[in-house]
Amino acid sequence: MAVRYYRELINFCAHTLHDRDAAKDVVQEAYARFVVLARSQVVEEPRALLYKVARNLMLDQARRQRVRDHDSLDALAESDQPQARADWQPDTAAEGHECARHMLAVIDALPPRCREAFVLNRFEGLSHQEVADRMGISRNMVAQHVVRALLACKACDERLRGTPAVRAAD
């Protein structure tokens, strides 16, 4: 169905890029991405999606070319230099892994029923009522389990950040 837009999309890209061969490459990549998207979701407007993907590919290509047009990154103004995402920095990534490891240890240390209710609610996205039905307990009990787990996670986060934990009254 989307094949009927092939020539039209090539013409659009060629007009923008001023290079028919480059336009064919962009369209080929757009169709490849379209196929992947169409497998995972219903595409009601294939033409619009193809144009959007092609437009985004051309913008990405232009951004990459703008960086490559310079002899060195040092010649670029600091505001134009490409920046790696902060969470890709080694220190930040290691810190994130360490935090995740501690949080998982806290969750693993919860009583079994509390952990089960928390995981079903927070990780599997079930509502309190759905968790209660699955576990054969009341909705209020699910809420208590989830709050207990959240407090344990909050205390872990506060320990990791070095902020004092505020204890709730028992």
N, C-alpha and C. Protein backbone atom coordinates (compact mmCIF):
# COMPACT_ATOMS: atom_id res chain seq x y z
N MET A 1 0.83 -1.18 0.00
CA MET A 1 0.00 0.00 0.00
C MET A 1 0.88 1.26 0.00
N ALA A 2 1.89 1.30 0.85
CA ALA A 2 2.75 2.47 0.94
C ALA A 2 3.67 2.61 -0.27
N VAL A 3 3.79 1.56 -1.08
CA VAL A 3 4.68 1.58 -2.24
C VAL A 3 4.24 2.64 -3.25
N ARG A 4 2.97 2.94 -3.29
CA ARG A 4 2.48 3.91 -4.28
C ARG A 4 3.02 5.33 -4.04
N TYR A 5 3.60 5.59 -2.89
CA TYR A 5 4.13 6.91 -2.58
C TYR A 5 5.62 7.02 -2.89
N TYR A 6 6.21 5.98 -3.42
CA TYR A 6 7.66 5.91 -3.61
C TYR A 6 8.18 7.06 -4.48
N ARG A 7 7.65 7.19 -5.70
CA ARG A 7 8.13 8.25 -6.62
C ARG A 7 7.87 9.65 -6.05
N GLU A 8 6.70 9.81 -5.48
CA GLU A 8 6.33 11.10 -4.89
C GLU A 8 7.31 11.47 -3.77
N LEU A 9 7.67 10.50 -2.97
CA LEU A 9 8.58 10.74 -1.85
C LEU A 9 10.00 11.02 -2.36
N ILE A 10 10.42 10.31 -3.40
CA ILE A 10 11.73 10.59 -3.99
C ILE A 10 11.78 12.01 -4.53
N ASN A 11 10.73 12.43 -5.21
CA ASN A 11 10.68 13.79 -5.75
C ASN A 11 10.75 14.83 -4.62
N PHE A 12 10.02 14.58 -3.54
CA PHE A 12 10.04 15.49 -2.40
C PHE A 12 11.45 15.59 -1.81
N CYS A 13 12.06 14.46 -1.60
CA CYS A 13 13.41 14.44 -1.00
C CYS A 13 14.44 15.03 -1.96
N ALA A 14 14.32 14.73 -3.25
CA ALA A 14 15.27 15.26 -4.24
C ALA A 14 15.16 16.79 -4.31
N HIS A 15 13.95 17.30 -4.20
CA HIS A 15 13.75 18.74 -4.23
C HIS A 15 14.42 19.39 -3.01
N THR A 16 14.33 18.72 -1.86
CA THR A 16 14.91 19.26 -0.63
C THR A 16 16.43 19.11 -0.62
N LEU A 17 16.92 17.95 -1.05
CA LEU A 17 18.35 17.66 -0.97
C LEU A 17 19.15 18.12 -2.19
N HIS A 18 18.45 18.36 -3.29
CA HIS A 18 19.10 18.72 -4.56
C HIS A 18 20.04 17.61 -5.04
N ASP A 19 19.69 16.37 -4.74
CA ASP A 19 20.52 15.22 -5.12
C ASP A 19 19.61 14.00 -5.16
N ARG A 20 19.33 13.53 -6.38
CA ARG A 20 18.40 12.42 -6.55
C ARG A 20 18.92 11.12 -5.93
N ASP A 21 20.22 10.86 -6.02
CA ASP A 21 20.77 9.64 -5.43
C ASP A 21 20.66 9.67 -3.91
N ALA A 22 20.96 10.82 -3.32
CA ALA A 22 20.81 10.95 -1.87
C ALA A 22 19.35 10.81 -1.47
N ALA A 23 18.46 11.33 -2.31
CA ALA A 23 17.02 11.21 -2.04
C ALA A 23 16.59 9.75 -2.04
N LYS A 24 17.12 8.97 -2.98
CA LYS A 24 16.77 7.54 -3.02
C LYS A 24 17.25 6.82 -1.76
N ASP A 25 18.42 7.21 -1.27
CA ASP A 25 18.93 6.61 -0.03
C ASP A 25 18.02 6.94 1.15
N VAL A 26 17.59 8.20 1.22
CA VAL A 26 16.71 8.62 2.31
C VAL A 26 15.38 7.87 2.22
N VAL A 27 14.83 7.76 1.03
CA VAL A 27 13.55 7.08 0.85
C VAL A 27 13.68 5.60 1.21
N GLN A 28 14.77 4.99 0.81
CA GLN A 28 14.98 3.58 1.16
C GLN A 28 15.00 3.41 2.68
N GLU A 29 15.72 4.28 3.37
CA GLU A 29 15.79 4.21 4.83
C GLU A 29 14.42 4.51 5.44
N ALA A 30 13.69 5.45 4.86
CA ALA A 30 12.35 5.78 5.36
C ALA A 30 11.42 4.57 5.24
N TYR A 31 11.49 3.87 4.12
CA TYR A 31 10.66 2.68 3.95
C TYR A 31 11.07 1.57 4.91
N ALA A 32 12.36 1.43 5.16
CA ALA A 32 12.82 0.41 6.11
C ALA A 32 12.27 0.70 7.50
N ARG A 33 12.33 1.95 7.91
CA ARG A 33 11.80 2.32 9.22
C ARG A 33 10.28 2.22 9.26
N PHE A 34 9.65 2.53 8.14
CA PHE A 34 8.19 2.42 8.04
C PHE A 34 7.76 0.97 8.25
N VAL A 35 8.47 0.04 7.63
CA VAL A 35 8.13 -1.39 7.77
C VAL A 35 8.23 -1.82 9.23
N VAL A 36 9.27 -1.38 9.91
CA VAL A 36 9.44 -1.73 11.33
C VAL A 36 8.28 -1.16 12.15
N LEU A 37 7.94 0.10 11.90
CA LEU A 37 6.83 0.72 12.64
C LEU A 37 5.50 0.03 12.32
N ALA A 38 5.29 -0.31 11.07
CA ALA A 38 4.03 -0.93 10.65
C ALA A 38 3.85 -2.31 11.27
N ARG A 39 4.94 -2.97 11.61
CA ARG A 39 4.83 -4.28 12.26
C ARG A 39 4.38 -4.17 13.70
N SER A 40 4.69 -3.06 14.35
CA SER A 40 4.40 -2.93 15.77
C SER A 40 3.13 -2.12 16.06
N GLN A 41 2.60 -1.44 15.07
CA GLN A 41 1.41 -0.63 15.30
C GLN A 41 0.62 -0.47 14.01
N VAL A 42 -0.64 -0.10 14.15
CA VAL A 42 -1.49 0.13 12.99
C VAL A 42 -1.16 1.52 12.43
N VAL A 43 -0.88 1.58 11.16
CA VAL A 43 -0.55 2.85 10.52
C VAL A 43 -1.76 3.28 9.70
N GLU A 44 -2.45 4.31 10.21
CA GLU A 44 -3.66 4.77 9.55
C GLU A 44 -3.36 5.69 8.37
N GLU A 45 -2.27 6.43 8.46
CA GLU A 45 -1.89 7.37 7.41
C GLU A 45 -0.46 7.05 6.94
N PRO A 46 -0.29 6.04 6.07
CA PRO A 46 1.07 5.66 5.66
C PRO A 46 1.82 6.78 4.96
N ARG A 47 1.14 7.57 4.15
CA ARG A 47 1.80 8.66 3.43
C ARG A 47 2.36 9.68 4.40
N ALA A 48 1.56 10.07 5.38
CA ALA A 48 2.01 11.06 6.37
C ALA A 48 3.20 10.52 7.17
N LEU A 49 3.13 9.26 7.55
CA LEU A 49 4.22 8.66 8.31
C LEU A 49 5.50 8.60 7.48
N LEU A 50 5.38 8.21 6.22
CA LEU A 50 6.56 8.15 5.35
C LEU A 50 7.20 9.53 5.19
N TYR A 51 6.38 10.56 4.99
CA TYR A 51 6.91 11.91 4.85
C TYR A 51 7.58 12.36 6.14
N LYS A 52 6.96 12.06 7.29
CA LYS A 52 7.55 12.46 8.56
C LYS A 52 8.89 11.77 8.78
N VAL A 53 8.95 10.47 8.51
CA VAL A 53 10.20 9.73 8.69
C VAL A 53 11.26 10.28 7.74
N ALA A 54 10.91 10.52 6.49
CA ALA A 54 11.87 11.04 5.51
C ALA A 54 12.35 12.42 5.92
N ARG A 55 11.44 13.27 6.37
CA ARG A 55 11.81 14.62 6.80
C ARG A 55 12.78 14.55 7.99
N ASN A 56 12.49 13.67 8.95
CA ASN A 56 13.38 13.53 10.10
C ASN A 56 14.75 12.99 9.69
N LEU A 57 14.78 12.08 8.74
CA LEU A 57 16.05 11.55 8.26
C LEU A 57 16.88 12.65 7.58
N MET A 58 16.20 13.48 6.80
CA MET A 58 16.92 14.57 6.14
C MET A 58 17.44 15.59 7.16
N LEU A 59 16.67 15.86 8.19
CA LEU A 59 17.13 16.78 9.24
C LEU A 59 18.33 16.20 9.97
N ASP A 60 18.26 14.92 10.31
CA ASP A 60 19.41 14.27 10.97
C ASP A 60 20.64 14.32 10.09
N GLN A 61 20.43 14.05 8.81
CA GLN A 61 21.55 14.07 7.86
C GLN A 61 22.16 15.47 7.77
N ALA A 62 21.32 16.49 7.74
CA ALA A 62 21.81 17.87 7.67
C ALA A 62 22.59 18.24 8.93
N ARG A 63 22.10 17.79 10.09
CA ARG A 63 22.82 18.08 11.34
C ARG A 63 24.19 17.41 11.35
N ARG A 64 24.22 16.15 10.93
CA ARG A 64 25.50 15.44 10.89
C ARG A 64 26.45 16.10 9.91
N GLN A 65 25.93 16.53 8.76
CA GLN A 65 26.76 17.17 7.75
C GLN A 65 27.32 18.49 8.24
N ARG A 66 26.51 19.22 9.00
CA ARG A 66 26.95 20.51 9.53
C ARG A 66 28.16 20.31 10.45
N VAL A 67 28.15 19.25 11.23
CA VAL A 67 29.29 18.97 12.11
C VAL A 67 30.49 18.52 11.28
N ARG A 68 30.26 17.72 10.25
CA ARG A 68 31.35 17.20 9.42
C ARG A 68 31.98 18.26 8.54
N ASP A 69 31.26 19.34 8.28
CA ASP A 69 31.78 20.38 7.40
C ASP A 69 32.96 21.13 8.00
N HIS A 70 33.27 20.93 9.24
CA HIS A 70 34.37 21.61 9.89
C HIS A 70 35.60 20.71 9.90
N ASP A 71 36.77 21.35 9.88
CA ASP A 71 38.01 20.58 9.90
C ASP A 71 38.18 19.83 11.21
N SER A 72 37.78 20.45 12.29
CA SER A 72 37.89 19.77 13.58
C SER A 72 36.79 20.28 14.50
N LEU A 73 36.47 19.49 15.49
CA LEU A 73 35.47 19.92 16.45
C LEU A 73 35.95 21.13 17.24
N ASP A 74 37.25 21.26 17.38
CA ASP A 74 37.79 22.40 18.11
C ASP A 74 37.50 23.71 17.40
N ALA A 75 37.30 23.65 16.08
CA ALA A 75 37.02 24.87 15.32
C ALA A 75 35.57 25.32 15.49
N LEU A 76 34.73 24.43 15.98
CA LEU A 76 33.32 24.79 16.20
C LEU A 76 33.18 25.66 17.43
N ALA A 77 32.20 26.54 17.40
CA ALA A 77 31.87 27.29 18.60
C ALA A 77 31.38 26.29 19.64
N GLU A 78 31.60 26.58 20.90
CA GLU A 78 31.24 25.63 21.95
C GLU A 78 29.76 25.27 21.90
N SER A 79 28.91 26.22 21.56
CA SER A 79 27.47 25.96 21.50
C SER A 79 27.10 25.02 20.35
N ASP A 80 27.95 24.93 19.32
CA ASP A 80 27.69 24.06 18.17
C ASP A 80 28.31 22.68 18.32
N GLN A 81 29.14 22.49 19.33
CA GLN A 81 29.80 21.19 19.48
C GLN A 81 28.79 20.14 19.93
N PRO A 82 28.87 18.95 19.35
CA PRO A 82 27.94 17.90 19.76
C PRO A 82 28.19 17.50 21.20
N GLN A 83 27.13 17.29 21.92
CA GLN A 83 27.24 16.93 23.33
C GLN A 83 26.68 15.53 23.54
N ALA A 84 27.42 14.70 24.24
CA ALA A 84 26.91 13.39 24.62
C ALA A 84 25.89 13.60 25.73
N ARG A 85 24.89 12.74 25.75
CA ARG A 85 23.89 12.83 26.79
C ARG A 85 24.57 12.64 28.14
N ALA A 86 24.08 13.34 29.14
CA ALA A 86 24.68 13.27 30.48
C ALA A 86 24.66 11.85 31.03
N ASP A 87 23.60 11.10 30.74
CA ASP A 87 23.52 9.74 31.29
C ASP A 87 24.45 8.77 30.56
N TRP A 88 25.11 9.22 29.51
CA TRP A 88 26.10 8.38 28.81
C TRP A 88 27.51 8.57 29.38
N GLN A 89 27.68 9.56 30.22
CA GLN A 89 28.99 9.80 30.81
C GLN A 89 29.31 8.63 31.74
N PRO A 90 30.55 8.16 31.74
CA PRO A 90 30.90 6.97 32.53
C PRO A 90 30.55 7.08 34.01
N ASP A 91 30.83 8.22 34.61
CA ASP A 91 30.55 8.38 36.04
C ASP A 91 29.05 8.31 36.32
N THR A 92 28.27 8.99 35.48
CA THR A 92 26.83 9.01 35.66
C THR A 92 26.23 7.63 35.43
N ALA A 93 26.71 6.94 34.41
CA ALA A 93 26.21 5.59 34.12
C ALA A 93 26.54 4.64 35.27
N ALA A 94 27.75 4.71 35.78
CA ALA A 94 28.15 3.84 36.89
C ALA A 94 27.31 4.14 38.13
N GLU A 95 27.09 5.42 38.37
CA GLU A 95 26.27 5.84 39.50
C GLU A 95 24.84 5.30 39.36
N GLY A 96 24.30 5.37 38.14
CA GLY A 96 22.96 4.86 37.88
C GLY A 96 22.86 3.36 38.10
N HIS A 97 23.88 2.63 37.64
CA HIS A 97 23.89 1.17 37.84
C HIS A 97 23.97 0.83 39.33
N GLU A 98 24.78 1.58 40.05
CA GLU A 98 24.94 1.35 41.49
C GLU A 98 23.61 1.63 42.21
N CYS A 99 22.96 2.71 41.83
CA CYS A 99 21.67 3.06 42.42
C CYS A 99 20.65 1.96 42.13
N ALA A 100 20.61 1.50 40.89
CA ALA A 100 19.67 0.43 40.52
C ALA A 100 19.95 -0.83 41.31
N ARG A 101 21.22 -1.15 41.51
CA ARG A 101 21.58 -2.35 42.25
C ARG A 101 21.08 -2.25 43.69
N HIS A 102 21.25 -1.09 44.31
CA HIS A 102 20.78 -0.90 45.68
C HIS A 102 19.25 -0.97 45.75
N MET A 103 18.58 -0.34 44.80
CA MET A 103 17.10 -0.37 44.80
C MET A 103 16.59 -1.80 44.64
N LEU A 104 17.20 -2.56 43.74
CA LEU A 104 16.78 -3.96 43.55
C LEU A 104 17.02 -4.77 44.82
N ALA A 105 18.11 -4.49 45.52
CA ALA A 105 18.38 -5.19 46.78
C ALA A 105 17.30 -4.85 47.82
N VAL A 106 16.88 -3.60 47.86
CA VAL A 106 15.82 -3.19 48.79
C VAL A 106 14.52 -3.89 48.43
N ILE A 107 14.19 -3.93 47.16
CA ILE A 107 12.95 -4.59 46.73
C ILE A 107 13.02 -6.08 47.02
N ASP A 108 14.16 -6.70 46.75
CA ASP A 108 14.33 -8.13 47.04
C ASP A 108 14.21 -8.43 48.53
N ALA A 109 14.57 -7.47 49.38
CA ALA A 109 14.54 -7.68 50.83
C ALA A 109 13.14 -7.48 51.42
N LEU A 110 12.20 -6.99 50.63
CA LEU A 110 10.83 -6.81 51.13
C LEU A 110 10.22 -8.17 51.45
N PRO A 111 9.26 -8.21 52.37
CA PRO A 111 8.54 -9.47 52.58
C PRO A 111 7.90 -9.93 51.26
N PRO A 112 7.80 -11.23 51.04
CA PRO A 112 7.34 -11.76 49.75
C PRO A 112 6.03 -11.17 49.23
N ARG A 113 5.01 -11.09 50.08
CA ARG A 113 3.71 -10.58 49.62
C ARG A 113 3.79 -9.08 49.30
N CYS A 114 4.55 -8.36 50.10
CA CYS A 114 4.74 -6.93 49.86
C CYS A 114 5.46 -6.73 48.52
N ARG A 115 6.52 -7.49 48.31
CA ARG A 115 7.29 -7.40 47.06
C ARG A 115 6.41 -7.75 45.86
N GLU A 116 5.61 -8.81 46.00
CA GLU A 116 4.74 -9.23 44.90
C GLU A 116 3.73 -8.13 44.54
N ALA A 117 3.10 -7.54 45.56
CA ALA A 117 2.12 -6.48 45.29
C ALA A 117 2.80 -5.28 44.65
N PHE A 118 3.97 -4.93 45.13
CA PHE A 118 4.70 -3.79 44.59
C PHE A 118 5.11 -4.02 43.14
N VAL A 119 5.66 -5.17 42.85
CA VAL A 119 6.10 -5.49 41.49
C VAL A 119 4.91 -5.52 40.53
N LEU A 120 3.80 -6.14 40.96
CA LEU A 120 2.62 -6.18 40.09
C LEU A 120 2.10 -4.78 39.80
N ASN A 121 2.11 -3.93 40.82
CA ASN A 121 1.57 -2.59 40.66
C ASN A 121 2.52 -1.67 39.90
N ARG A 122 3.78 -1.60 40.33
CA ARG A 122 4.69 -0.61 39.77
C ARG A 122 5.42 -1.07 38.52
N PHE A 123 5.71 -2.35 38.39
CA PHE A 123 6.48 -2.82 37.24
C PHE A 123 5.59 -3.42 36.15
N GLU A 124 4.50 -4.05 36.56
CA GLU A 124 3.60 -4.64 35.56
C GLU A 124 2.41 -3.76 35.27
N GLY A 125 2.25 -2.68 36.03
CA GLY A 125 1.23 -1.68 35.73
C GLY A 125 -0.19 -2.06 36.12
N LEU A 126 -0.35 -3.04 37.00
CA LEU A 126 -1.70 -3.42 37.41
C LEU A 126 -2.23 -2.43 38.44
N SER A 127 -3.53 -2.20 38.40
CA SER A 127 -4.16 -1.33 39.39
C SER A 127 -4.20 -2.05 40.73
N HIS A 128 -4.49 -1.30 41.79
CA HIS A 128 -4.60 -1.92 43.11
C HIS A 128 -5.66 -3.01 43.11
N GLN A 129 -6.78 -2.75 42.43
CA GLN A 129 -7.86 -3.76 42.39
C GLN A 129 -7.41 -5.00 41.63
N GLU A 130 -6.70 -4.83 40.54
CA GLU A 130 -6.21 -5.98 39.78
C GLU A 130 -5.20 -6.79 40.59
N VAL A 131 -4.35 -6.11 41.33
CA VAL A 131 -3.38 -6.81 42.19
C VAL A 131 -4.13 -7.56 43.29
N ALA A 132 -5.12 -6.89 43.89
CA ALA A 132 -5.91 -7.53 44.96
C ALA A 132 -6.59 -8.78 44.44
N ASP A 133 -7.18 -8.70 43.25
CA ASP A 133 -7.85 -9.87 42.67
C ASP A 133 -6.87 -10.99 42.39
N ARG A 134 -5.71 -10.65 41.88
CA ARG A 134 -4.71 -11.67 41.55
C ARG A 134 -4.14 -12.33 42.81
N MET A 135 -3.92 -11.52 43.85
CA MET A 135 -3.30 -12.04 45.06
C MET A 135 -4.30 -12.57 46.08
N GLY A 136 -5.59 -12.30 45.87
CA GLY A 136 -6.62 -12.76 46.80
C GLY A 136 -6.59 -11.99 48.12
N ILE A 137 -6.29 -10.70 48.06
CA ILE A 137 -6.28 -9.85 49.25
C ILE A 137 -7.11 -8.61 48.98
N SER A 138 -7.32 -7.82 50.02
CA SER A 138 -8.13 -6.60 49.84
C SER A 138 -7.32 -5.51 49.13
N ARG A 139 -8.05 -4.59 48.57
CA ARG A 139 -7.42 -3.45 47.89
C ARG A 139 -6.64 -2.60 48.89
N ASN A 140 -7.17 -2.46 50.09
CA ASN A 140 -6.46 -1.69 51.12
C ASN A 140 -5.14 -2.36 51.48
N MET A 141 -5.12 -3.67 51.52
CA MET A 141 -3.88 -4.38 51.83
C MET A 141 -2.85 -4.15 50.73
N VAL A 142 -3.31 -4.14 49.49
CA VAL A 142 -2.40 -3.85 48.37
C VAL A 142 -1.81 -2.46 48.56
N ALA A 143 -2.66 -1.48 48.89
CA ALA A 143 -2.19 -0.11 49.09
C ALA A 143 -1.14 -0.06 50.20
N GLN A 144 -1.37 -0.80 51.28
CA GLN A 144 -0.40 -0.83 52.39
C GLN A 144 0.93 -1.43 51.93
N HIS A 145 0.86 -2.52 51.18
CA HIS A 145 2.09 -3.15 50.67
C HIS A 145 2.86 -2.19 49.77
N VAL A 146 2.15 -1.52 48.89
CA VAL A 146 2.80 -0.61 47.94
C VAL A 146 3.42 0.57 48.69
N VAL A 147 2.72 1.12 49.64
CA VAL A 147 3.26 2.24 50.43
C VAL A 147 4.49 1.79 51.20
N ARG A 148 4.44 0.61 51.80
CA ARG A 148 5.60 0.10 52.54
C ARG A 148 6.81 -0.02 51.62
N ALA A 149 6.60 -0.55 50.41
CA ALA A 149 7.70 -0.70 49.45
C ALA A 149 8.22 0.66 48.99
N LEU A 150 7.31 1.60 48.73
CA LEU A 150 7.73 2.94 48.31
C LEU A 150 8.54 3.63 49.40
N LEU A 151 8.14 3.45 50.65
CA LEU A 151 8.91 4.05 51.74
C LEU A 151 10.30 3.43 51.83
N ALA A 152 10.39 2.13 51.61
CA ALA A 152 11.70 1.47 51.63
C ALA A 152 12.57 2.00 50.48
N CYS A 153 11.98 2.16 49.31
CA CYS A 153 12.74 2.69 48.16
C CYS A 153 13.15 4.14 48.40
N LYS A 154 12.24 4.93 48.99
CA LYS A 154 12.56 6.33 49.29
C LYS A 154 13.70 6.41 50.29
N ALA A 155 13.67 5.56 51.31
CA ALA A 155 14.75 5.56 52.30
C ALA A 155 16.07 5.18 51.65
N CYS A 156 16.05 4.23 50.73
CA CYS A 156 17.26 3.83 50.00
C CYS A 156 17.78 5.01 49.18
N ASP A 157 16.89 5.68 48.49
CA ASP A 157 17.28 6.83 47.68
C ASP A 157 17.89 7.93 48.55
N GLU A 158 17.29 8.18 49.70
CA GLU A 158 17.82 9.20 50.60
C GLU A 158 19.19 8.81 51.13
N ARG A 159 19.40 7.51 51.42
CA ARG A 159 20.72 7.05 51.86
C ARG A 159 21.75 7.25 50.76
N LEU A 160 21.36 6.94 49.53
CA LEU A 160 22.30 7.09 48.41
C LEU A 160 22.65 8.55 48.14
N ARG A 161 21.69 9.42 48.31
CA ARG A 161 21.91 10.85 48.07
C ARG A 161 22.54 11.55 49.27
N GLY A 162 22.55 10.86 50.42
CA GLY A 162 23.14 11.45 51.61
C GLY A 162 22.21 12.41 52.32
N THR A 163 20.90 12.36 52.01
CA THR A 163 19.95 13.21 52.70
C THR A 163 19.34 12.42 53.84
N PRO A 164 19.01 13.07 54.94
CA PRO A 164 18.47 12.34 56.08
C PRO A 164 17.07 11.80 55.78
N ALA A 165 16.86 10.56 56.17
CA ALA A 165 15.58 9.90 55.96
C ALA A 165 14.61 10.37 57.03
N VAL A 166 13.40 10.65 56.64
CA VAL A 166 12.34 11.02 57.59
C VAL A 166 11.52 9.77 57.85
N ARG A 167 11.51 9.35 59.11
CA ARG A 167 10.79 8.11 59.45
C ARG A 167 9.32 8.42 59.65
N ALA A 168 8.52 7.56 59.04
CA ALA A 168 7.08 7.67 59.24
C ALA A 168 6.73 7.02 60.57
N ALA A 169 5.70 7.52 61.21
CA ALA A 169 5.27 6.92 62.48
C ALA A 169 4.74 5.53 62.21
N ASP A 170 5.15 4.56 63.04
CA ASP A 170 4.71 3.16 62.87
C ASP A 170 3.37 2.93 63.48
